[in-house]
Amino acid sequence: MDKVFAAKRVATKLRSAEHSIDAALVEASELVAEMLRARREMGLAANVGDAAIAKMTAAMSMLSEARTTMIAGHAELADVQSRLGLRTRMGQGPEDKVEEETSRVSGLKEVA
């Protein structure tokens, strides 16, 4: 099996998983906003549905934690990619990565 093709398949699945978590966060936040609007529109007291809202925001916190963990896993896979000598990039999508201030410095330069 060609390492480059295998790495590209993994990268595609990784990007899909990252996007799925982001989409779930968007949906959950829109749900909470809609719940709050509905409560207000119905003229209900703030305590109505409060337990449900608390659970939804807790779920959002867990999704955020999953997102952070997925990003950390992505960084680990980048290390594996480097150790395998793969210098491929997924040339798809408009996603530009912004290097973290604490990013590691490498002696390699990427050429287009």
Protein backbone atom coordinates (compact mmCIF):
# COMPACT_ATOMS: atom_id res chain seq x y z
CA MET A 1 0.00 0.00 0.00
CA ASP A 2 1.27 3.44 -0.88
CA LYS A 3 1.93 5.51 2.26
CA VAL A 4 0.89 8.75 0.57
CA PHE A 5 -2.55 7.44 -0.39
CA ALA A 6 -3.08 5.95 3.06
CA ALA A 7 -2.05 9.26 4.67
CA LYS A 8 -4.45 11.18 2.41
CA ARG A 9 -7.32 8.86 3.40
CA VAL A 10 -6.53 9.42 7.07
CA ALA A 11 -6.31 13.19 6.51
CA THR A 12 -9.69 13.19 4.76
CA LYS A 13 -11.32 11.33 7.66
CA LEU A 14 -9.61 13.59 10.19
CA ARG A 15 -10.86 16.73 8.46
CA SER A 16 -14.36 15.22 8.29
CA ALA A 17 -14.30 14.39 12.01
CA GLU A 18 -13.12 17.92 12.87
CA HIS A 19 -15.87 19.45 10.74
CA SER A 20 -18.47 17.17 12.32
CA ILE A 21 -17.56 18.35 15.80
CA ASP A 22 -17.73 21.98 14.65
CA ALA A 23 -21.14 21.34 13.07
CA ALA A 24 -22.40 19.72 16.27
CA LEU A 25 -21.23 22.74 18.27
CA VAL A 26 -23.06 25.08 15.90
CA GLU A 27 -26.26 23.03 16.10
CA ALA A 28 -26.10 22.79 19.89
CA SER A 29 -25.52 26.51 20.31
CA GLU A 30 -28.40 27.29 17.96
CA LEU A 31 -30.59 24.88 19.95
CA VAL A 32 -29.81 26.63 23.23
CA ALA A 33 -30.48 30.02 21.64
CA GLU A 34 -33.80 28.77 20.28
CA MET A 35 -34.77 27.33 23.65
CA LEU A 36 -34.09 30.69 25.31
CA ARG A 37 -36.03 32.61 22.63
CA ALA A 38 -38.97 30.21 22.94
CA ARG A 39 -39.07 30.56 26.72
CA ARG A 40 -39.06 34.34 26.41
CA GLU A 41 -41.69 34.37 23.63
CA MET A 42 -43.97 32.18 25.73
CA GLY A 43 -43.54 34.48 28.70
CA LEU A 44 -42.21 31.71 30.93
CA ALA A 45 -40.12 32.27 34.04
CA ALA A 46 -36.35 31.86 33.80
CA ASN A 47 -36.46 28.65 35.83
CA VAL A 48 -38.63 26.90 33.21
CA GLY A 49 -36.34 24.65 31.19
CA ASP A 50 -33.29 25.72 33.16
CA ALA A 51 -32.19 22.14 33.86
CA ALA A 52 -32.45 21.29 30.16
CA ILE A 53 -30.44 24.37 29.19
CA ALA A 54 -27.80 23.47 31.76
CA LYS A 55 -27.53 19.97 30.27
CA MET A 56 -27.29 21.36 26.74
CA THR A 57 -24.53 23.78 27.70
CA ALA A 58 -22.71 20.96 29.50
CA ALA A 59 -22.93 18.94 26.28
CA MET A 60 -21.50 21.92 24.39
CA SER A 61 -18.62 22.03 26.85
CA MET A 62 -17.97 18.33 26.20
CA LEU A 63 -18.06 18.96 22.45
CA SER A 64 -15.56 21.78 22.91
CA GLU A 65 -13.31 19.44 24.87
CA ALA A 66 -13.65 16.82 22.12
CA ARG A 67 -12.72 19.47 19.55
CA THR A 68 -9.59 20.42 21.51
CA THR A 69 -8.63 16.76 21.89
CA MET A 70 -9.20 16.12 18.17
CA ILE A 71 -6.91 19.05 17.34
CA ALA A 72 -4.25 17.61 19.66
CA GLY A 73 -4.63 14.26 17.90
CA HIS A 74 -4.22 16.05 14.59
CA ALA A 75 -0.91 17.46 15.82
CA GLU A 76 0.20 13.97 16.88
CA LEU A 77 -0.62 12.67 13.42
CA ALA A 78 1.46 15.47 11.92
CA ASP A 79 4.39 14.15 13.96
CA VAL A 80 3.76 10.63 12.62
CA GLN A 81 3.61 12.03 9.10
CA SER A 82 6.97 13.72 9.62
CA ARG A 83 8.56 10.57 11.07
CA LEU A 84 7.35 8.61 8.04
CA GLY A 85 8.94 11.15 5.75
CA LEU A 86 5.64 12.21 4.19
CA ARG A 87 5.47 15.80 3.11
CA THR A 88 2.06 15.77 1.51
CA ARG A 89 -0.64 18.35 2.03
CA MET A 90 -4.35 18.04 1.57
CA GLY A 91 -4.79 20.62 -1.13
CA GLN A 92 -8.54 20.77 -0.60
CA GLY A 93 -10.61 23.37 1.08
CA PRO A 94 -10.15 26.95 2.12
CA GLU A 95 -8.66 26.14 5.50
CA ASP A 96 -5.49 28.02 6.24
CA LYS A 97 -3.74 26.98 9.40
CA VAL A 98 -2.40 29.66 11.66
CA GLU A 99 0.64 28.52 13.53
CA GLU A 100 0.38 28.66 17.28
CA GLU A 101 2.87 30.89 19.03
CA THR A 102 4.20 27.79 20.79
CA SER A 103 4.63 25.81 17.56
CA ARG A 104 7.76 23.80 17.07
CA VAL A 105 10.39 25.08 14.70
CA SER A 106 11.46 22.70 11.98
CA GLY A 107 14.48 22.80 9.75
CA LEU A 108 12.33 21.77 6.79
CA LYS A 109 10.91 24.23 4.32
CA GLU A 110 7.78 23.49 2.35
CA VAL A 111 7.90 24.18 -1.34
CA ALA A 112 4.91 24.55 -3.60
